[in-house]
């Protein structure tokens, strides 16, 4: 088996892009809660609790995925981001064909 080389900083940039997309998703979900609150004139205290729960759950998801990311886990993190739709195949265009294939195969296993 050939050794696949990669640029650690490039992998980290990709992870950061996926993380930004994940934050955007969670913020969008929170915005939907706030829009419903404005539209339906729900009690502010109830909606506040729902928003806090949303933010707390989102933060837990992010910490679970990224808190202990070591260089040796970067490919796994990117594969998970790809499987969850926070990255696209196009985000891997700067990588070698071999590295891109490894990431895609890992993401398919994550999706199963």
N, C-alpha and C. Protein backbone atom coordinates (compact mmCIF):
# COMPACT_ATOMS: atom_id res chain seq x y z
N UNK A 1 0.84 -1.17 0.00
CA UNK A 1 0.00 0.00 0.00
C UNK A 1 0.89 1.24 0.00
N UNK A 2 0.58 2.18 -0.86
CA UNK A 2 1.35 3.41 -0.95
C UNK A 2 0.96 4.37 0.17
N UNK A 3 1.94 5.10 0.64
CA UNK A 3 1.68 6.09 1.67
C UNK A 3 1.10 7.34 0.99
N UNK A 4 0.01 7.84 1.54
CA UNK A 4 -0.63 9.03 0.98
C UNK A 4 -0.13 10.24 1.76
N UNK A 5 0.40 11.20 1.04
CA UNK A 5 0.88 12.41 1.70
C UNK A 5 -0.22 13.46 1.71
N UNK A 6 -0.18 14.31 2.72
CA UNK A 6 -1.16 15.38 2.81
C UNK A 6 -0.56 16.57 3.53
N UNK A 7 -1.17 17.70 3.34
CA UNK A 7 -0.77 18.93 3.98
C UNK A 7 -1.69 19.17 5.17
N UNK A 8 -1.13 19.11 6.36
CA UNK A 8 -1.91 19.23 7.59
C UNK A 8 -2.68 20.56 7.63
N UNK A 9 -2.04 21.64 7.23
CA UNK A 9 -2.71 22.94 7.25
C UNK A 9 -3.87 22.99 6.27
N UNK A 10 -3.71 22.36 5.12
CA UNK A 10 -4.80 22.31 4.13
C UNK A 10 -5.98 21.51 4.68
N UNK A 11 -5.67 20.40 5.35
CA UNK A 11 -6.75 19.62 5.98
C UNK A 11 -7.47 20.45 7.04
N UNK A 12 -6.71 21.19 7.82
CA UNK A 12 -7.30 22.02 8.85
C UNK A 12 -8.18 23.12 8.25
N UNK A 13 -7.77 23.69 7.13
CA UNK A 13 -8.60 24.68 6.44
C UNK A 13 -9.92 24.06 6.00
N UNK A 14 -9.85 22.85 5.50
CA UNK A 14 -11.07 22.15 5.07
C UNK A 14 -11.99 21.91 6.26
N UNK A 15 -11.42 21.48 7.38
CA UNK A 15 -12.21 21.24 8.58
C UNK A 15 -12.87 22.54 9.03
N UNK A 16 -12.14 23.64 9.00
CA UNK A 16 -12.70 24.93 9.41
C UNK A 16 -13.85 25.35 8.49
N UNK A 17 -13.73 25.06 7.20
CA UNK A 17 -14.82 25.38 6.27
C UNK A 17 -16.06 24.57 6.62
N UNK A 18 -15.88 23.28 6.87
CA UNK A 18 -17.01 22.44 7.26
C UNK A 18 -17.63 22.90 8.57
N UNK A 19 -16.79 23.31 9.52
CA UNK A 19 -17.28 23.80 10.80
C UNK A 19 -18.10 25.06 10.62
N UNK A 20 -17.65 25.98 9.77
CA UNK A 20 -18.42 27.19 9.50
C UNK A 20 -19.78 26.84 8.91
N UNK A 21 -19.81 25.86 8.01
CA UNK A 21 -21.08 25.43 7.43
C UNK A 21 -21.99 24.80 8.49
N UNK A 22 -21.39 24.10 9.44
CA UNK A 22 -22.17 23.51 10.52
C UNK A 22 -22.75 24.60 11.42
N UNK A 23 -21.94 25.59 11.77
CA UNK A 23 -22.45 26.72 12.55
C UNK A 23 -23.60 27.40 11.82
N UNK A 24 -23.46 27.58 10.52
CA UNK A 24 -24.52 28.21 9.73
C UNK A 24 -25.81 27.41 9.82
N UNK A 25 -25.70 26.10 9.74
CA UNK A 25 -26.89 25.25 9.84
C UNK A 25 -27.57 25.45 11.18
N UNK A 26 -26.80 25.41 12.26
CA UNK A 26 -27.39 25.55 13.59
C UNK A 26 -27.97 26.94 13.81
N UNK A 27 -27.30 27.97 13.30
CA UNK A 27 -27.85 29.32 13.41
C UNK A 27 -29.15 29.45 12.62
N UNK A 28 -29.21 28.81 11.46
CA UNK A 28 -30.43 28.83 10.65
C UNK A 28 -31.58 28.16 11.38
N UNK A 29 -31.28 27.06 12.06
CA UNK A 29 -32.32 26.37 12.83
C UNK A 29 -32.83 27.26 13.96
N UNK A 30 -31.92 27.99 14.59
CA UNK A 30 -32.31 28.91 15.65
C UNK A 30 -33.14 30.06 15.09
N UNK A 31 -32.76 30.53 13.91
CA UNK A 31 -33.52 31.61 13.27
C UNK A 31 -34.95 31.17 12.96
N UNK A 32 -35.14 29.92 12.57
CA UNK A 32 -36.49 29.41 12.31
C UNK A 32 -37.33 29.47 13.59
N UNK A 33 -36.74 29.10 14.71
CA UNK A 33 -37.45 29.17 15.99
C UNK A 33 -37.87 30.60 16.28
N UNK A 34 -36.96 31.55 16.05
CA UNK A 34 -37.26 32.96 16.31
C UNK A 34 -38.31 33.50 15.34
N UNK A 35 -38.27 33.07 14.10
CA UNK A 35 -39.29 33.51 13.13
C UNK A 35 -40.67 33.01 13.54
N UNK A 36 -40.74 31.76 13.99
CA UNK A 36 -42.03 31.22 14.45
C UNK A 36 -42.52 31.99 15.67
N UNK A 37 -41.60 32.36 16.56
CA UNK A 37 -41.95 33.14 17.74
C UNK A 37 -42.56 34.48 17.33
N UNK A 38 -41.93 35.15 16.38
CA UNK A 38 -42.45 36.44 15.92
C UNK A 38 -43.81 36.30 15.25
N UNK A 39 -43.93 35.26 14.45
CA UNK A 39 -45.16 35.06 13.67
C UNK A 39 -46.33 34.64 14.57
N UNK A 40 -46.07 33.76 15.51
CA UNK A 40 -47.15 33.20 16.32
C UNK A 40 -47.32 33.88 17.67
N UNK A 41 -46.49 34.85 17.97
CA UNK A 41 -46.56 35.60 19.22
C UNK A 41 -46.59 34.68 20.44
N UNK A 42 -45.69 33.71 20.44
CA UNK A 42 -45.59 32.80 21.58
C UNK A 42 -44.97 33.54 22.77
N UNK A 43 -45.11 32.96 23.94
CA UNK A 43 -44.50 33.54 25.13
C UNK A 43 -42.98 33.55 24.98
N UNK A 44 -42.40 34.69 25.28
CA UNK A 44 -40.96 34.85 25.12
C UNK A 44 -40.17 33.89 25.99
N UNK A 45 -40.63 33.63 27.21
CA UNK A 45 -39.87 32.75 28.09
C UNK A 45 -39.82 31.33 27.55
N UNK A 46 -40.90 30.88 26.95
CA UNK A 46 -40.92 29.52 26.37
C UNK A 46 -39.96 29.43 25.18
N UNK A 47 -39.99 30.43 24.33
CA UNK A 47 -39.14 30.45 23.15
C UNK A 47 -37.68 30.59 23.56
N UNK A 48 -37.43 31.40 24.57
CA UNK A 48 -36.07 31.56 25.07
C UNK A 48 -35.50 30.21 25.51
N UNK A 49 -36.31 29.44 26.22
CA UNK A 49 -35.87 28.11 26.65
C UNK A 49 -35.60 27.19 25.47
N UNK A 50 -36.43 27.27 24.45
CA UNK A 50 -36.24 26.45 23.25
C UNK A 50 -34.95 26.85 22.53
N UNK A 51 -34.71 28.16 22.43
CA UNK A 51 -33.48 28.64 21.78
C UNK A 51 -32.26 28.19 22.58
N UNK A 52 -32.30 28.33 23.89
CA UNK A 52 -31.17 27.89 24.71
C UNK A 52 -30.91 26.39 24.54
N UNK A 53 -31.96 25.62 24.49
CA UNK A 53 -31.80 24.17 24.30
C UNK A 53 -31.18 23.89 22.93
N UNK A 54 -31.64 24.62 21.91
CA UNK A 54 -31.10 24.46 20.56
C UNK A 54 -29.61 24.78 20.53
N UNK A 55 -29.24 25.89 21.14
CA UNK A 55 -27.84 26.29 21.17
C UNK A 55 -27.02 25.27 21.96
N UNK A 56 -27.53 24.83 23.09
CA UNK A 56 -26.82 23.85 23.91
C UNK A 56 -26.60 22.55 23.14
N UNK A 57 -27.64 22.05 22.49
CA UNK A 57 -27.51 20.80 21.72
C UNK A 57 -26.55 20.96 20.54
N UNK A 58 -26.60 22.12 19.90
CA UNK A 58 -25.69 22.39 18.79
C UNK A 58 -24.25 22.41 19.28
N UNK A 59 -24.02 23.06 20.39
CA UNK A 59 -22.67 23.13 20.96
C UNK A 59 -22.16 21.74 21.33
N UNK A 60 -23.03 20.91 21.88
CA UNK A 60 -22.64 19.54 22.23
C UNK A 60 -22.21 18.77 20.98
N UNK A 61 -22.97 18.93 19.89
CA UNK A 61 -22.63 18.25 18.64
C UNK A 61 -21.26 18.70 18.15
N UNK A 62 -21.03 20.00 18.19
CA UNK A 62 -19.77 20.55 17.71
C UNK A 62 -18.61 20.09 18.59
N UNK A 63 -18.78 20.14 19.89
CA UNK A 63 -17.72 19.69 20.79
C UNK A 63 -17.41 18.21 20.61
N UNK A 64 -18.45 17.41 20.44
CA UNK A 64 -18.26 15.98 20.23
C UNK A 64 -17.38 15.71 19.02
N UNK A 65 -17.60 16.46 17.98
CA UNK A 65 -16.89 16.22 16.73
C UNK A 65 -15.49 16.84 16.70
N UNK A 66 -15.34 18.02 17.30
CA UNK A 66 -14.11 18.78 17.07
C UNK A 66 -13.20 18.94 18.30
N UNK A 67 -13.68 18.70 19.48
CA UNK A 67 -12.91 19.02 20.68
C UNK A 67 -11.57 18.29 20.77
N UNK A 68 -11.53 17.06 20.35
CA UNK A 68 -10.31 16.27 20.49
C UNK A 68 -9.71 15.91 19.14
N UNK A 69 -9.85 16.81 18.20
CA UNK A 69 -9.34 16.53 16.86
C UNK A 69 -7.82 16.68 16.82
N UNK A 70 -7.17 15.57 16.67
CA UNK A 70 -5.73 15.56 16.48
C UNK A 70 -5.46 15.37 15.00
N UNK A 71 -4.25 15.66 14.59
CA UNK A 71 -3.90 15.51 13.18
C UNK A 71 -4.25 14.12 12.67
N UNK A 72 -4.06 13.12 13.49
CA UNK A 72 -4.34 11.74 13.07
C UNK A 72 -5.83 11.51 12.82
N UNK A 73 -6.70 12.40 13.31
CA UNK A 73 -8.15 12.26 13.14
C UNK A 73 -8.72 13.18 12.07
N UNK A 74 -7.88 14.01 11.45
CA UNK A 74 -8.37 14.99 10.49
C UNK A 74 -9.16 14.35 9.35
N UNK A 75 -8.67 13.25 8.82
CA UNK A 75 -9.38 12.61 7.70
C UNK A 75 -10.75 12.11 8.15
N UNK A 76 -10.83 11.60 9.37
CA UNK A 76 -12.11 11.14 9.90
C UNK A 76 -13.09 12.30 10.05
N UNK A 77 -12.59 13.43 10.54
CA UNK A 77 -13.46 14.61 10.72
C UNK A 77 -13.96 15.10 9.36
N UNK A 78 -13.07 15.20 8.40
CA UNK A 78 -13.47 15.65 7.06
C UNK A 78 -14.46 14.67 6.44
N UNK A 79 -14.23 13.39 6.63
CA UNK A 79 -15.15 12.38 6.10
C UNK A 79 -16.53 12.52 6.72
N UNK A 80 -16.57 12.77 8.02
CA UNK A 80 -17.84 12.96 8.70
C UNK A 80 -18.54 14.23 8.20
N UNK A 81 -17.79 15.30 8.02
CA UNK A 81 -18.37 16.54 7.48
C UNK A 81 -18.94 16.31 6.08
N UNK A 82 -18.22 15.55 5.28
CA UNK A 82 -18.68 15.24 3.93
C UNK A 82 -19.96 14.42 3.98
N UNK A 83 -19.98 13.40 4.83
CA UNK A 83 -21.16 12.54 4.95
C UNK A 83 -22.38 13.31 5.43
N UNK A 84 -22.15 14.31 6.29
CA UNK A 84 -23.26 15.08 6.85
C UNK A 84 -23.66 16.26 5.98
N UNK A 85 -22.95 16.49 4.88
CA UNK A 85 -23.31 17.56 3.96
C UNK A 85 -22.72 18.91 4.30
N UNK A 86 -21.79 18.98 5.25
CA UNK A 86 -21.16 20.25 5.59
C UNK A 86 -20.01 20.57 4.65
N UNK A 87 -19.57 19.58 3.91
CA UNK A 87 -18.58 19.75 2.84
C UNK A 87 -19.12 19.05 1.60
N UNK A 88 -18.62 19.46 0.45
CA UNK A 88 -18.99 18.80 -0.80
C UNK A 88 -17.74 18.17 -1.41
N UNK A 89 -17.94 17.33 -2.40
CA UNK A 89 -16.81 16.72 -3.11
C UNK A 89 -15.92 17.82 -3.68
N UNK A 90 -16.52 18.91 -4.12
CA UNK A 90 -15.76 20.03 -4.67
C UNK A 90 -14.79 20.65 -3.67
N UNK A 91 -15.09 20.54 -2.40
CA UNK A 91 -14.19 21.06 -1.38
C UNK A 91 -12.90 20.25 -1.29
N UNK A 92 -12.88 19.10 -1.94
CA UNK A 92 -11.71 18.23 -1.91
C UNK A 92 -10.87 18.35 -3.18
N UNK A 93 -11.22 19.28 -4.06
CA UNK A 93 -10.54 19.39 -5.35
C UNK A 93 -9.04 19.64 -5.26
N UNK A 94 -8.59 20.29 -4.21
CA UNK A 94 -7.15 20.58 -4.08
C UNK A 94 -6.34 19.37 -3.61
N UNK A 95 -7.02 18.32 -3.24
CA UNK A 95 -6.33 17.13 -2.74
C UNK A 95 -5.95 16.19 -3.88
N UNK A 96 -4.98 15.35 -3.61
CA UNK A 96 -4.59 14.35 -4.60
C UNK A 96 -5.76 13.39 -4.82
N UNK A 97 -5.75 12.74 -5.95
CA UNK A 97 -6.80 11.77 -6.27
C UNK A 97 -6.87 10.68 -5.21
N UNK A 98 -5.71 10.23 -4.75
CA UNK A 98 -5.66 9.16 -3.76
C UNK A 98 -6.27 9.61 -2.43
N UNK A 99 -5.89 10.80 -1.98
CA UNK A 99 -6.41 11.30 -0.71
C UNK A 99 -7.90 11.56 -0.81
N UNK A 100 -8.34 12.13 -1.91
CA UNK A 100 -9.76 12.38 -2.12
C UNK A 100 -10.55 11.07 -2.06
N UNK A 101 -10.01 10.02 -2.69
CA UNK A 101 -10.68 8.72 -2.69
C UNK A 101 -10.78 8.15 -1.28
N UNK A 102 -9.73 8.28 -0.50
CA UNK A 102 -9.75 7.80 0.89
C UNK A 102 -10.84 8.52 1.68
N UNK A 103 -10.92 9.83 1.54
CA UNK A 103 -11.92 10.62 2.26
C UNK A 103 -13.33 10.22 1.84
N UNK A 104 -13.54 10.05 0.55
CA UNK A 104 -14.87 9.65 0.05
C UNK A 104 -15.26 8.28 0.58
N UNK A 105 -14.33 7.34 0.56
CA UNK A 105 -14.62 6.00 1.07
C UNK A 105 -14.94 6.04 2.56
N UNK A 106 -14.19 6.82 3.32
CA UNK A 106 -14.48 6.95 4.76
C UNK A 106 -15.85 7.58 4.98
N UNK A 107 -16.19 8.58 4.17
CA UNK A 107 -17.48 9.25 4.34
C UNK A 107 -18.64 8.29 4.01
N UNK A 108 -18.44 7.41 3.07
CA UNK A 108 -19.47 6.43 2.74
C UNK A 108 -19.68 5.47 3.92
N UNK A 109 -18.61 5.11 4.61
CA UNK A 109 -18.73 4.25 5.78
C UNK A 109 -19.44 4.98 6.91
N UNK A 110 -19.16 6.27 7.08
CA UNK A 110 -19.82 7.08 8.11
C UNK A 110 -21.31 7.16 7.82
N UNK A 111 -21.66 7.29 6.55
CA UNK A 111 -23.07 7.45 6.16
C UNK A 111 -23.89 6.18 6.36
N UNK A 112 -23.23 5.07 6.44
CA UNK A 112 -23.95 3.78 6.57
C UNK A 112 -24.63 3.63 7.87
